[in-house]
Amino acid sequence: MPNLRVLSGATLLLGLSWTSAPPAGAHAFLDHAVPRVGSTVSAAPSELVLAFTQELEPAFSTVEVLNEQGAKVDKGDVQVDPHDGTLLRVSLNPLAPGTYKVIWRVVSVDTHPTEGDFTFHVAP
């Protein structure tokens, strides 16, 4: 009987550890951006770079940059960096001083989508 108690206790502990373990990270979350989220830059950038926590699926990952009037100011050449699959890049048209909204949606290589938005400012 003692072996049965040890086995039952071990089974219970194993079951509890499975139910209390945090889920594995399976989504590509925004780690940082250049220009930084919410930042004010003195010189207008010519490119936006978003860095994610996982590699991205190029066919399903996109970003757009809008001015204060909602007009698109990126060049539409969105691409996942060929040397670093966690980076999403898009070229920008010349930006006037103002606030710009970045809207992104990505799919990680394990097929989980995430999306978000933020702003940055170009100083006069």
PDB file of N, CA and C in Angstrom:
ATOM      1  N   MET A   1       0.794  -1.206   0.000  1.00  0.00           N
ATOM      2  CA  MET A   1       0.000   0.000   0.000  1.00  0.00           C
ATOM      3  C   MET A   1       0.837   1.272   0.000  1.00  0.00           C
ATOM      4  N   PRO A   2       1.987   1.344   0.689  1.00  0.00           N
ATOM      5  CA  PRO A   2       2.762   2.585   0.687  1.00  0.00           C
ATOM      6  C   PRO A   2       3.139   3.024  -0.725  1.00  0.00           C
ATOM      7  N   ASN A   3       3.451   2.092  -1.613  1.00  0.00           N
ATOM      8  CA  ASN A   3       3.824   2.471  -2.985  1.00  0.00           C
ATOM      9  C   ASN A   3       2.649   3.102  -3.730  1.00  0.00           C
ATOM     10  N   LEU A   4       1.442   2.648  -3.417  1.00  0.00           N
ATOM     11  CA  LEU A   4       0.257   3.211  -4.044  1.00  0.00           C
ATOM     12  C   LEU A   4       0.051   4.664  -3.603  1.00  0.00           C
ATOM     13  N   ARG A   5       0.323   4.963  -2.319  1.00  0.00           N
ATOM     14  CA  ARG A   5       0.199   6.339  -1.827  1.00  0.00           C
ATOM     15  C   ARG A   5       1.222   7.255  -2.499  1.00  0.00           C
ATOM     16  N   VAL A   6       2.456   6.784  -2.625  1.00  0.00           N
ATOM     17  CA  VAL A   6       3.503   7.582  -3.274  1.00  0.00           C
ATOM     18  C   VAL A   6       3.131   7.856  -4.726  1.00  0.00           C
ATOM     19  N   LEU A   7       2.641   6.824  -5.411  1.00  0.00           N
ATOM     20  CA  LEU A   7       2.241   6.972  -6.805  1.00  0.00           C
ATOM     21  C   LEU A   7       1.072   7.949  -6.941  1.00  0.00           C
ATOM     22  N   SER A   8       0.083   7.845  -6.057  1.00  0.00           N
ATOM     23  CA  SER A   8      -1.063   8.757  -6.096  1.00  0.00           C
ATOM     24  C   SER A   8      -0.626  10.193  -5.825  1.00  0.00           C
ATOM     25  N   GLY A   9       0.272  10.393  -4.854  1.00  0.00           N
ATOM     26  CA  GLY A   9       0.776  11.732  -4.550  1.00  0.00           C
ATOM     27  C   GLY A   9       1.553  12.315  -5.710  1.00  0.00           C
ATOM     28  N   ALA A  10       2.380  11.489  -6.336  1.00  0.00           N
ATOM     29  CA  ALA A  10       3.168  11.958  -7.479  1.00  0.00           C
ATOM     30  C   ALA A  10       2.260  12.328  -8.644  1.00  0.00           C
ATOM     31  N   THR A  11       1.222  11.531  -8.867  1.00  0.00           N
ATOM     32  CA  THR A  11       0.277  11.813  -9.944  1.00  0.00           C
ATOM     33  C   THR A  11      -0.463  13.121  -9.676  1.00  0.00           C
ATOM     34  N   LEU A  12      -0.867  13.334  -8.433  1.00  0.00           N
ATOM     35  CA  LEU A  12      -1.558  14.568  -8.069  1.00  0.00           C
ATOM     36  C   LEU A  12      -0.656  15.777  -8.277  1.00  0.00           C
ATOM     37  N   LEU A  13       0.603  15.697  -7.834  1.00  0.00           N
ATOM     38  CA  LEU A  13       1.530  16.814  -8.011  1.00  0.00           C
ATOM     39  C   LEU A  13       1.787  17.103  -9.489  1.00  0.00           C
ATOM     40  N   LEU A  14       1.924  16.048 -10.272  1.00  0.00           N
ATOM     41  CA  LEU A  14       2.145  16.223 -11.704  1.00  0.00           C
ATOM     42  C   LEU A  14       0.944  16.907 -12.349  1.00  0.00           C
ATOM     43  N   GLY A  15      -0.252  16.473 -11.981  1.00  0.00           N
ATOM     44  CA  GLY A  15      -1.469  17.076 -12.520  1.00  0.00           C
ATOM     45  C   GLY A  15      -1.579  18.539 -12.139  1.00  0.00           C
ATOM     46  N   LEU A  16      -1.258  18.883 -10.897  1.00  0.00           N
ATOM     47  CA  LEU A  16      -1.316  20.274 -10.459  1.00  0.00           C
ATOM     48  C   LEU A  16      -0.291  21.132 -11.176  1.00  0.00           C
ATOM     49  N   SER A  17       0.878  20.579 -11.426  1.00  0.00           N
ATOM     50  CA  SER A  17       1.910  21.371 -12.106  1.00  0.00           C
ATOM     51  C   SER A  17       1.499  21.663 -13.541  1.00  0.00           C
ATOM     52  N   TRP A  18       0.807  20.760 -14.191  1.00  0.00           N
ATOM     53  CA  TRP A  18       0.348  21.015 -15.556  1.00  0.00           C
ATOM     54  C   TRP A  18      -0.735  22.075 -15.594  1.00  0.00           C
ATOM     55  N   THR A  19      -1.630  22.077 -14.608  1.00  0.00           N
ATOM     56  CA  THR A  19      -2.720  23.043 -14.640  1.00  0.00           C
ATOM     57  C   THR A  19      -2.291  24.414 -14.152  1.00  0.00           C
ATOM     58  N   SER A  20      -1.199  24.514 -13.406  1.00  0.00           N
ATOM     59  CA  SER A  20      -0.786  25.816 -12.889  1.00  0.00           C
ATOM     60  C   SER A  20       0.371  26.422 -13.669  1.00  0.00           C
ATOM     61  N   ALA A  21       0.885  25.696 -14.635  1.00  0.00           N
ATOM     62  CA  ALA A  21       1.994  26.222 -15.429  1.00  0.00           C
ATOM     63  C   ALA A  21       1.488  27.317 -16.353  1.00  0.00           C
ATOM     64  N   PRO A  22       2.241  28.415 -16.502  1.00  0.00           N
ATOM     65  CA  PRO A  22       1.806  29.471 -17.424  1.00  0.00           C
ATOM     66  C   PRO A  22       1.893  28.972 -18.854  1.00  0.00           C
ATOM     67  N   PRO A  23       1.028  29.466 -19.731  1.00  0.00           N
ATOM     68  CA  PRO A  23       1.082  29.030 -21.124  1.00  0.00           C
ATOM     69  C   PRO A  23       2.361  29.516 -21.793  1.00  0.00           C
ATOM     70  N   ALA A  24       2.835  28.745 -22.736  1.00  0.00           N
ATOM     71  CA  ALA A  24       4.043  29.124 -23.480  1.00  0.00           C
ATOM     72  C   ALA A  24       3.717  30.332 -24.352  1.00  0.00           C
ATOM     73  N   GLY A  25       4.685  31.234 -24.505  1.00  0.00           N
ATOM     74  CA  GLY A  25       4.478  32.400 -25.357  1.00  0.00           C
ATOM     75  C   GLY A  25       4.405  31.975 -26.804  1.00  0.00           C
ATOM     76  N   ALA A  26       3.295  32.256 -27.455  1.00  0.00           N
ATOM     77  CA  ALA A  26       3.115  31.808 -28.821  1.00  0.00           C
ATOM     78  C   ALA A  26       2.681  32.939 -29.742  1.00  0.00           C
ATOM     79  N   HIS A  27       2.824  34.160 -29.320  1.00  0.00           N
ATOM     80  CA  HIS A  27       2.431  35.296 -30.131  1.00  0.00           C
ATOM     81  C   HIS A  27       3.629  36.234 -30.303  1.00  0.00           C
ATOM     82  N   ALA A  28       3.628  36.914 -31.429  1.00  0.00           N
ATOM     83  CA  ALA A  28       4.675  37.900 -31.679  1.00  0.00           C
ATOM     84  C   ALA A  28       4.182  39.243 -31.157  1.00  0.00           C
ATOM     85  N   PHE A  29       4.720  39.688 -30.039  1.00  0.00           N
ATOM     86  CA  PHE A  29       4.344  40.970 -29.456  1.00  0.00           C
ATOM     87  C   PHE A  29       5.369  42.031 -29.831  1.00  0.00           C
ATOM     88  N   LEU A  30       4.919  43.273 -29.938  1.00  0.00           N
ATOM     89  CA  LEU A  30       5.824  44.375 -30.247  1.00  0.00           C
ATOM     90  C   LEU A  30       6.790  44.557 -29.086  1.00  0.00           C
ATOM     91  N   ASP A  31       8.083  44.462 -29.376  1.00  0.00           N
ATOM     92  CA  ASP A  31       9.119  44.645 -28.363  1.00  0.00           C
ATOM     93  C   ASP A  31       9.558  46.111 -28.316  1.00  0.00           C
ATOM     94  N   HIS A  32       9.843  46.679 -29.474  1.00  0.00           N
ATOM     95  CA  HIS A  32      10.194  48.091 -29.567  1.00  0.00           C
ATOM     96  C   HIS A  32      10.076  48.559 -31.016  1.00  0.00           C
ATOM     97  N   ALA A  33      10.137  49.861 -31.185  1.00  0.00           N
ATOM     98  CA  ALA A  33      10.010  50.443 -32.513  1.00  0.00           C
ATOM     99  C   ALA A  33      10.999  51.589 -32.659  1.00  0.00           C
ATOM    100  N   VAL A  34      11.353  51.892 -33.916  1.00  0.00           N
ATOM    101  CA  VAL A  34      12.179  53.054 -34.242  1.00  0.00           C
ATOM    102  C   VAL A  34      11.450  53.802 -35.346  1.00  0.00           C
ATOM    103  N   PRO A  35      10.946  55.014 -35.054  1.00  0.00           N
ATOM    104  CA  PRO A  35      11.007  55.753 -33.805  1.00  0.00           C
ATOM    105  C   PRO A  35      10.219  55.046 -32.693  1.00  0.00           C
ATOM    106  N   ARG A  36      10.622  55.341 -31.456  1.00  0.00           N
ATOM    107  CA  ARG A  36      10.027  54.693 -30.289  1.00  0.00           C
ATOM    108  C   ARG A  36       8.552  55.063 -30.134  1.00  0.00           C
ATOM    109  N   VAL A  37       7.814  54.137 -29.545  1.00  0.00           N
ATOM    110  CA  VAL A  37       6.402  54.337 -29.246  1.00  0.00           C
ATOM    111  C   VAL A  37       6.235  55.591 -28.381  1.00  0.00           C
ATOM    112  N   GLY A  38       5.397  56.521 -28.845  1.00  0.00           N
ATOM    113  CA  GLY A  38       5.114  57.735 -28.092  1.00  0.00           C
ATOM    114  C   GLY A  38       6.210  58.782 -28.088  1.00  0.00           C
ATOM    115  N   SER A  39       7.265  58.559 -28.836  1.00  0.00           N
ATOM    116  CA  SER A  39       8.407  59.483 -28.798  1.00  0.00           C
ATOM    117  C   SER A  39       8.170  60.716 -29.656  1.00  0.00           C
ATOM    118  N   THR A  40       9.003  61.722 -29.418  1.00  0.00           N
ATOM    119  CA  THR A  40       9.067  62.897 -30.270  1.00  0.00           C
ATOM    120  C   THR A  40      10.465  62.934 -30.866  1.00  0.00           C
ATOM    121  N   VAL A  41      10.533  62.981 -32.189  1.00  0.00           N
ATOM    122  CA  VAL A  41      11.824  63.012 -32.873  1.00  0.00           C
ATOM    123  C   VAL A  41      12.025  64.389 -33.492  1.00  0.00           C
ATOM    124  N   SER A  42      13.269  64.830 -33.519  1.00  0.00           N
ATOM    125  CA  SER A  42      13.562  66.155 -34.076  1.00  0.00           C
ATOM    126  C   SER A  42      13.742  66.104 -35.586  1.00  0.00           C
ATOM    127  N   ALA A  43      14.134  64.960 -36.103  1.00  0.00           N
ATOM    128  CA  ALA A  43      14.298  64.792 -37.549  1.00  0.00           C
ATOM    129  C   ALA A  43      13.345  63.697 -38.020  1.00  0.00           C
ATOM    130  N   ALA A  44      12.654  63.965 -39.105  1.00  0.00           N
ATOM    131  CA  ALA A  44      11.700  62.999 -39.632  1.00  0.00           C
ATOM    132  C   ALA A  44      12.434  61.739 -40.096  1.00  0.00           C
ATOM    133  N   PRO A  45      11.975  60.559 -39.656  1.00  0.00           N
ATOM    134  CA  PRO A  45      12.618  59.317 -40.087  1.00  0.00           C
ATOM    135  C   PRO A  45      12.241  58.993 -41.531  1.00  0.00           C
ATOM    136  N   SER A  46      13.118  58.273 -42.203  1.00  0.00           N
ATOM    137  CA  SER A  46      12.817  57.834 -43.568  1.00  0.00           C
ATOM    138  C   SER A  46      12.294  56.402 -43.586  1.00  0.00           C
ATOM    139  N   GLU A  47      12.326  55.755 -42.416  1.00  0.00           N
ATOM    140  CA  GLU A  47      11.895  54.364 -42.314  1.00  0.00           C
ATOM    141  C   GLU A  47      11.340  54.119 -40.912  1.00  0.00           C
ATOM    142  N   LEU A  48      10.363  53.230 -40.823  1.00  0.00           N
ATOM    143  CA  LEU A  48       9.833  52.765 -39.551  1.00  0.00           C
ATOM    144  C   LEU A  48      10.258  51.313 -39.398  1.00  0.00           C
ATOM    145  N   VAL A  49      10.774  50.962 -38.224  1.00  0.00           N
ATOM    146  CA  VAL A  49      11.184  49.583 -37.952  1.00  0.00           C
ATOM    147  C   VAL A  49      10.491  49.119 -36.679  1.00  0.00           C
ATOM    148  N   LEU A  50       9.781  48.009 -36.771  1.00  0.00           N
ATOM    149  CA  LEU A  50       9.123  47.402 -35.621  1.00  0.00           C
ATOM    150  C   LEU A  50       9.825  46.090 -35.300  1.00  0.00           C
ATOM    151  N   ALA A  51      10.168  45.894 -34.040  1.00  0.00           N
ATOM    152  CA  ALA A  51      10.835  44.665 -33.598  1.00  0.00           C
ATOM    153  C   ALA A  51       9.864  43.864 -32.740  1.00  0.00           C
ATOM    154  N   PHE A  52       9.695  42.596 -33.066  1.00  0.00           N
ATOM    155  CA  PHE A  52       8.757  41.724 -32.377  1.00  0.00           C
ATOM    156  C   PHE A  52       9.483  40.626 -31.604  1.00  0.00           C
ATOM    157  N   THR A  53       8.751  39.974 -30.724  1.00  0.00           N
ATOM    158  CA  THR A  53       9.331  38.952 -29.851  1.00  0.00           C
ATOM    159  C   THR A  53       9.471  37.592 -30.521  1.00  0.00           C
ATOM    160  N   GLN A  54       8.901  37.428 -31.696  1.00  0.00           N
ATOM    161  CA  GLN A  54       9.024  36.179 -32.451  1.00  0.00           C
ATOM    162  C   GLN A  54       9.166  36.492 -33.933  1.00  0.00           C
ATOM    163  N   GLU A  55       9.615  35.501 -34.674  1.00  0.00           N
ATOM    164  CA  GLU A  55       9.722  35.682 -36.119  1.00  0.00           C
ATOM    165  C   GLU A  55       8.335  35.799 -36.730  1.00  0.00           C
ATOM    166  N   LEU A  56       8.258  36.559 -37.819  1.00  0.00           N
ATOM    167  CA  LEU A  56       6.990  36.881 -38.454  1.00  0.00           C
ATOM    168  C   LEU A  56       6.789  36.121 -39.754  1.00  0.00           C
ATOM    169  N   GLU A  57       5.541  35.910 -40.092  1.00  0.00           N
ATOM    170  CA  GLU A  57       5.159  35.331 -41.380  1.00  0.00           C
ATOM    171  C   GLU A  57       5.005  36.496 -42.357  1.00  0.00           C
ATOM    172  N   PRO A  58       5.925  36.641 -43.317  1.00  0.00           N
ATOM    173  CA  PRO A  58       5.911  37.818 -44.199  1.00  0.00           C
ATOM    174  C   PRO A  58       4.601  38.032 -44.960  1.00  0.00           C
ATOM    175  N   ALA A  59       3.964  36.973 -45.409  1.00  0.00           N
ATOM    176  CA  ALA A  59       2.754  37.109 -46.220  1.00  0.00           C
ATOM    177  C   ALA A  59       1.574  37.687 -45.445  1.00  0.00           C
ATOM    178  N   PHE A  60       1.621  37.622 -44.118  1.00  0.00           N
ATOM    179  CA  PHE A  60       0.481  38.043 -43.311  1.00  0.00           C
ATOM    180  C   PHE A  60       0.824  39.135 -42.300  1.00  0.00           C
ATOM    181  N   SER A  61       1.919  39.830 -42.498  1.00  0.00           N
ATOM    182  CA  SER A  61       2.342  40.871 -41.560  1.00  0.00           C
ATOM    183  C   SER A  61       2.383  42.209 -42.287  1.00  0.00           C
ATOM    184  N   THR A  62       1.774  43.211 -41.676  1.00  0.00           N
ATOM    185  CA  THR A  62       1.665  44.499 -42.339  1.00  0.00           C
ATOM    186  C   THR A  62       1.718  45.652 -41.336  1.00  0.00           C
ATOM    187  N   VAL A  63       2.027  46.817 -41.839  1.00  0.00           N
ATOM    188  CA  VAL A  63       2.032  48.032 -41.034  1.00  0.00           C
ATOM    189  C   VAL A  63       1.708  49.193 -41.961  1.00  0.00           C
ATOM    190  N   GLU A  64       0.993  50.182 -41.422  1.00  0.00           N
ATOM    191  CA  GLU A  64       0.781  51.409 -42.176  1.00  0.00           C
ATOM    192  C   GLU A  64       0.955  52.590 -41.239  1.00  0.00           C
ATOM    193  N   VAL A  65       1.356  53.707 -41.814  1.00  0.00           N
ATOM    194  CA  VAL A  65       1.593  54.929 -41.053  1.00  0.00           C
ATOM    195  C   VAL A  65       0.695  56.016 -41.633  1.00  0.00           C
ATOM    196  N   LEU A  66      -0.071  56.657 -40.738  1.00  0.00           N
ATOM    197  CA  LEU A  66      -1.038  57.678 -41.148  1.00  0.00           C
ATOM    198  C   LEU A  66      -0.707  59.017 -40.509  1.00  0.00           C
ATOM    199  N   ASN A  67      -0.986  60.107 -41.241  1.00  0.00           N
ATOM    200  CA  ASN A  67      -0.799  61.440 -40.661  1.00  0.00           C
ATOM    201  C   ASN A  67      -2.044  61.829 -39.857  1.00  0.00           C
ATOM    202  N   GLU A  68      -2.071  63.051 -39.346  1.00  0.00           N
ATOM    203  CA  GLU A  68      -3.176  63.507 -38.498  1.00  0.00           C
ATOM    204  C   GLU A  68      -4.514  63.540 -39.227  1.00  0.00           C
ATOM    205  N   GLN A  69      -4.485  63.655 -40.544  1.00  0.00           N
ATOM    206  CA  GLN A  69      -5.717  63.663 -41.332  1.00  0.00           C
ATOM    207  C   GLN A  69      -6.143  62.251 -41.755  1.00  0.00           C
ATOM    208  N   GLY A  70      -5.355  61.257 -41.391  1.00  0.00           N
ATOM    209  CA  GLY A  70      -5.675  59.871 -41.741  1.00  0.00           C
ATOM    210  C   GLY A  70      -5.138  59.431 -43.088  1.00  0.00           C
ATOM    211  N   ALA A  71      -4.326  60.274 -43.719  1.00  0.00           N
ATOM    212  CA  ALA A  71      -3.741  59.923 -45.013  1.00  0.00           C
ATOM    213  C   ALA A  71      -2.506  59.045 -44.802  1.00  0.00           C
ATOM    214  N   LYS A  72      -2.358  58.074 -45.656  1.00  0.00           N
ATOM    215  CA  LYS A  72      -1.219  57.165 -45.590  1.00  0.00           C
ATOM    216  C   LYS A  72       0.069  57.893 -45.979  1.00  0.00           C
ATOM    217  N   VAL A  73       1.129  57.753 -45.145  1.00  0.00           N
ATOM    218  CA  VAL A  73       2.391  58.431 -45.425  1.00  0.00           C
ATOM    219  C   VAL A  73       3.550  57.453 -45.614  1.00  0.00           C
ATOM    220  N   ASP A  74       3.262  56.153 -45.528  1.00  0.00           N
ATOM    221  CA  ASP A  74       4.325  55.187 -45.811  1.00  0.00           C
ATOM    222  C   ASP A  74       4.309  54.877 -47.307  1.00  0.00           C
ATOM    223  N   LYS A  75       5.393  54.251 -47.783  1.00  0.00           N
ATOM    224  CA  LYS A  75       5.523  53.967 -49.215  1.00  0.00           C
ATOM    225  C   LYS A  75       4.912  52.631 -49.618  1.00  0.00           C
ATOM    226  N   GLY A  76       4.354  51.894 -48.664  1.00  0.00           N
ATOM    227  CA  GLY A  76       3.697  50.629 -48.993  1.00  0.00           C
ATOM    228  C   GLY A  76       4.643  49.476 -49.269  1.00  0.00           C
ATOM    229  N   ASP A  77       5.916  49.655 -48.961  1.00  0.00           N
ATOM    230  CA  ASP A  77       6.911  48.601 -49.233  1.00  0.00           C
ATOM    231  C   ASP A  77       7.230  47.785 -47.973  1.00  0.00           C
ATOM    232  N   VAL A  78       6.195  47.389 -47.263  1.00  0.00           N
ATOM    233  CA  VAL A  78       6.349  46.639 -46.010  1.00  0.00           C
ATOM    234  C   VAL A  78       7.058  45.325 -46.295  1.00  0.00           C
ATOM    235  N   GLN A  79       8.057  45.037 -45.444  1.00  0.00           N
ATOM    236  CA  GLN A  79       8.733  43.744 -45.582  1.00  0.00           C
ATOM    237  C   GLN A  79       9.305  43.291 -44.255  1.00  0.00           C
ATOM    238  N   VAL A  80       9.311  41.982 -44.071  1.00  0.00           N
ATOM    239  CA  VAL A  80      10.029  41.386 -42.949  1.00  0.00           C
ATOM    240  C   VAL A  80      11.489  41.379 -43.353  1.00  0.00           C
ATOM    241  N   ASP A  81      12.354  41.822 -42.458  1.00  0.00           N
ATOM    242  CA  ASP A  81      13.789  41.900 -42.747  1.00  0.00           C
ATOM    243  C   ASP A  81      14.312  40.515 -43.135  1.00  0.00           C
ATOM    244  N   PRO A  82      15.001  40.402 -44.264  1.00  0.00           N
ATOM    245  CA  PRO A  82      15.486  39.086 -44.706  1.00  0.00           C
ATOM    246  C   PRO A  82      16.575  38.497 -43.802  1.00  0.00           C
ATOM    247  N   HIS A  83      17.226  39.331 -43.000  1.00  0.00           N
ATOM    248  CA  HIS A  83      18.290  38.857 -42.117  1.00  0.00           C
ATOM    249  C   HIS A  83      17.842  38.666 -40.682  1.00  0.00           C
ATOM    250  N   ASP A  84      16.682  39.222 -40.337  1.00  0.00           N
ATOM    251  CA  ASP A  84      16.145  39.108 -38.977  1.00  0.00           C
ATOM    252  C   ASP A  84      14.631  39.051 -39.071  1.00  0.00           C
ATOM    253  N   GLY A  85      14.076  37.860 -38.975  1.00  0.00           N
ATOM    254  CA  GLY A  85      12.649  37.636 -39.149  1.00  0.00           C
ATOM    255  C   GLY A  85      11.764  38.236 -38.085  1.00  0.00           C
ATOM    256  N   THR A  86      12.356  38.900 -37.083  1.00  0.00           N
ATOM    257  CA  THR A  86      11.555  39.562 -36.051  1.00  0.00           C
ATOM    258  C   THR A  86      11.331  41.039 -36.366  1.00  0.00           C
ATOM    259  N   LEU A  87      11.945  41.538 -37.439  1.00  0.00           N
ATOM    260  CA  LEU A  87      11.842  42.961 -37.787  1.00  0.00           C
ATOM    261  C   LEU A  87      10.908  43.181 -38.964  1.00  0.00           C
ATOM    262  N   LEU A  88      10.020  44.156 -38.819  1.00  0.00           N
ATOM    263  CA  LEU A  88       9.123  44.566 -39.891  1.00  0.00           C
ATOM    264  C   LEU A  88       9.486  46.005 -40.249  1.00  0.00           C
ATOM    265  N   ARG A  89       9.691  46.268 -41.539  1.00  0.00           N
ATOM    266  CA  ARG A  89      10.150  47.581 -41.997  1.00  0.00           C
ATOM    267  C   ARG A  89       9.204  48.152 -43.046  1.00  0.00           C
ATOM    268  N   VAL A  90       9.107  49.477 -43.054  1.00  0.00           N
ATOM    269  CA  VAL A  90       8.405  50.170 -44.131  1.00  0.00           C
ATOM    270  C   VAL A  90       9.078  51.533 -44.320  1.00  0.00           C
ATOM    271  N   SER A  91       9.250  51.926 -45.581  1.00  0.00           N
ATOM    272  CA  SER A  91       9.818  53.241 -45.902  1.00  0.00           C
ATOM    273  C   SER A  91       8.742  54.301 -45.745  1.00  0.00           C
ATOM    274  N   LEU A  92       9.187  55.510 -45.391  1.00  0.00           N
ATOM    275  CA  LEU A  92       8.260  56.621 -45.186  1.00  0.00           C
ATOM    276  C   LEU A  92       8.519  57.722 -46.201  1.00  0.00           C
ATOM    277  N   ASN A  93       7.441  58.363 -46.655  1.00  0.00           N
ATOM    278  CA  ASN A  93       7.563  59.573 -47.452  1.00  0.00           C
ATOM    279  C   ASN A  93       8.098  60.665 -46.531  1.00  0.00           C
ATOM    280  N   PRO A  94       8.604  61.779 -47.080  1.00  0.00           N
ATOM    281  CA  PRO A  94       9.055  62.870 -46.208  1.00  0.00           C
ATOM    282  C   PRO A  94       7.915  63.307 -45.282  1.00  0.00           C
ATOM    283  N   LEU A  95       8.192  63.361 -43.986  1.00  0.00           N
ATOM    284  CA  LEU A  95       7.174  63.688 -42.994  1.00  0.00           C
ATOM    285  C   LEU A  95       7.297  65.125 -42.522  1.00  0.00           C
ATOM    286  N   ALA A  96       6.179  65.824 -42.506  1.00  0.00           N
ATOM    287  CA  ALA A  96       6.116  67.173 -41.948  1.00  0.00           C
ATOM    288  C   ALA A  96       5.990  67.059 -40.430  1.00  0.00           C
ATOM    289  N   PRO A  97       6.246  68.137 -39.702  1.00  0.00           N
ATOM    290  CA  PRO A  97       6.007  68.096 -38.254  1.00  0.00           C
ATOM    291  C   PRO A  97       4.555  67.706 -37.973  1.00  0.00           C
ATOM    292  N   GLY A  98       4.362  66.910 -36.938  1.00  0.00           N
ATOM    293  CA  GLY A  98       3.014  66.483 -36.590  1.00  0.00           C
ATOM    294  C   GLY A  98       3.020  65.139 -35.880  1.00  0.00           C
ATOM    295  N   THR A  99       1.836  64.597 -35.682  1.00  0.00           N
ATOM    296  CA  THR A  99       1.657  63.312 -35.010  1.00  0.00           C
ATOM    297  C   THR A  99       1.301  62.256 -36.049  1.00  0.00           C
ATOM    298  N   TYR A 100       1.915  61.109 -35.928  1.00  0.00           N
ATOM    299  CA  TYR A 100       1.707  60.018 -36.867  1.00  0.00           C
ATOM    300  C   TYR A 100       1.255  58.771 -36.124  1.00  0.00           C
ATOM    301  N   LYS A 101       0.290  58.099 -36.716  1.00  0.00           N
ATOM    302  CA  LYS A 101      -0.247  56.873 -36.116  1.00  0.00           C
ATOM    303  C   LYS A 101       0.258  55.667 -36.896  1.00  0.00           C
ATOM    304  N   VAL A 102       0.780  54.695 -36.153  1.00  0.00           N
ATOM    305  CA  VAL A 102       1.271  53.447 -36.722  1.00  0.00           C
ATOM    306  C   VAL A 102       0.260  52.362 -36.373  1.00  0.00           C
ATOM    307  N   ILE A 103      -0.209  51.652 -37.391  1.00  0.00           N
ATOM    308  CA  ILE A 103      -1.157  50.557 -37.184  1.00  0.00           C
ATOM    309  C   ILE A 103      -0.511  49.297 -37.740  1.00  0.00           C
ATOM    310  N   TRP A 104      -0.337  48.290 -36.876  1.00  0.00           N
ATOM    311  CA  TRP A 104       0.322  47.067 -37.317  1.00  0.00           C
ATOM    312  C   TRP A 104      -0.534  45.842 -37.022  1.00  0.00           C
ATOM    313  N   ARG A 105      -0.344  44.829 -37.846  1.00  0.00           N
ATOM    314  CA  ARG A 105      -0.952  43.517 -37.643  1.00  0.00           C
ATOM    315  C   ARG A 105       0.051  42.508 -38.156  1.00  0.00           C
ATOM    316  N   VAL A 106       0.431  41.579 -37.302  1.00  0.00           N
ATOM    317  CA  VAL A 106       1.404  40.562 -37.694  1.00  0.00           C
ATOM    318  C   VAL A 106       0.903  39.174 -37.333  1.00  0.00           C
ATOM    319  N   VAL A 107       1.470  38.210 -38.017  1.00  0.00           N
ATOM    320  CA  VAL A 107       1.232  36.803 -37.713  1.00  0.00           C
ATOM    321  C   VAL A 107       2.598  36.177 -37.491  1.00  0.00           C
ATOM    322  N   SER A 108       2.760  35.531 -36.343  1.00  0.00           N
ATOM    323  CA  SER A 108       4.033  34.865 -36.066  1.00  0.00           C
ATOM    324  C   SER A 108       4.130  33.596 -36.911  1.00  0.00           C
ATOM    325  N   VAL A 109       5.326  33.063 -37.051  1.00  0.00           N
ATOM    326  CA  VAL A 109       5.519  31.879 -37.888  1.00  0.00           C
ATOM    327  C   VAL A 109       4.739  30.677 -37.367  1.00  0.00           C
ATOM    328  N   ASP A 110       4.308  30.718 -36.109  1.00  0.00           N
ATOM    329  CA  ASP A 110       3.458  29.634 -35.607  1.00  0.00           C
ATOM    330  C   ASP A 110       1.978  29.969 -35.742  1.00  0.00           C
ATOM    331  N   THR A 111       1.656  30.940 -36.592  1.00  0.00           N
ATOM    332  CA  THR A 111       0.309  31.309 -37.058  1.00  0.00           C
ATOM    333  C   THR A 111      -0.557  32.084 -36.068  1.00  0.00           C
ATOM    334  N   HIS A 112      -0.010  32.647 -35.023  1.00  0.00           N
ATOM    335  CA  HIS A 112      -0.805  33.426 -34.082  1.00  0.00           C
ATOM    336  C   HIS A 112      -0.769  34.912 -34.457  1.00  0.00           C
ATOM    337  N   PRO A 113      -1.944  35.547 -34.680  1.00  0.00           N
ATOM    338  CA  PRO A 113      -1.977  36.970 -35.039  1.00  0.00           C
ATOM    339  C   PRO A 113      -1.971  37.876 -33.808  1.00  0.00           C
ATOM    340  N   THR A 114      -1.359  39.029 -33.944  1.00  0.00           N
ATOM    341  CA  THR A 114      -1.461  40.107 -32.952  1.00  0.00           C
ATOM    342  C   THR A 114      -1.532  41.417 -33.727  1.00  0.00           C
ATOM    343  N   GLU A 115      -2.074  42.433 -33.081  1.00  0.00           N
ATOM    344  CA  GLU A 115      -2.184  43.735 -33.735  1.00  0.00           C
ATOM    345  C   GLU A 115      -2.141  44.829 -32.693  1.00  0.00           C
ATOM    346  N   GLY A 116      -1.867  46.023 -33.168  1.00  0.00           N
ATOM    347  CA  GLY A 116      -1.821  47.150 -32.252  1.00  0.00           C
ATOM    348  C   GLY A 116      -1.570  48.440 -32.998  1.00  0.00           C
ATOM    349  N   ASP A 117      -1.485  49.507 -32.244  1.00  0.00           N
ATOM    350  CA  ASP A 117      -1.183  50.802 -32.841  1.00  0.00           C
ATOM    351  C   ASP A 117      -0.509  51.677 -31.794  1.00  0.00           C
ATOM    352  N   PHE A 118       0.155  52.717 -32.262  1.00  0.00           N
ATOM    353  CA  PHE A 118       0.801  53.706 -31.408  1.00  0.00           C
ATOM    354  C   PHE A 118       1.045  54.946 -32.225  1.00  0.00           C
ATOM    355  N   THR A 119       1.466  55.998 -31.550  1.00  0.00           N
ATOM    356  CA  THR A 119       1.806  57.230 -32.236  1.00  0.00           C
ATOM    357  C   THR A 119       3.246  57.627 -31.942  1.00  0.00           C
ATOM    358  N   PHE A 120       3.766  58.454 -32.823  1.00  0.00           N
ATOM    359  CA  PHE A 120       5.029  59.156 -32.577  1.00  0.00           C
ATOM    360  C   PHE A 120       4.860  60.555 -33.150  1.00  0.00           C
ATOM    361  N   HIS A 121       5.719  61.453 -32.743  1.00  0.00           N
ATOM    362  CA  HIS A 121       5.607  62.849 -33.142  1.00  0.00           C
ATOM    363  C   HIS A 121       6.894  63.315 -33.811  1.00  0.00           C
ATOM    364  N   VAL A 122       6.743  64.142 -34.823  1.00  0.00           N
ATOM    365  CA  VAL A 122       7.874  64.805 -35.468  1.00  0.00           C
ATOM    366  C   VAL A 122       7.795  66.265 -35.030  1.00  0.00           C
ATOM    367  N   ALA A 123       8.835  66.729 -34.360  1.00  0.00           N
ATOM    368  CA  ALA A 123       8.855  68.106 -33.841  1.00  0.00           C
ATOM    369  C   ALA A 123       9.023  69.107 -34.966  1.00  0.00           C
ATOM    370  N   PRO A 124       8.499  70.319 -34.767  1.00  0.00           N
ATOM    371  CA  PRO A 124       8.675  71.369 -35.787  1.00  0.00           C
ATOM    372  C   PRO A 124      10.124  71.833 -35.860  1.00  0.00           C
TER     373      PRO A 124
END
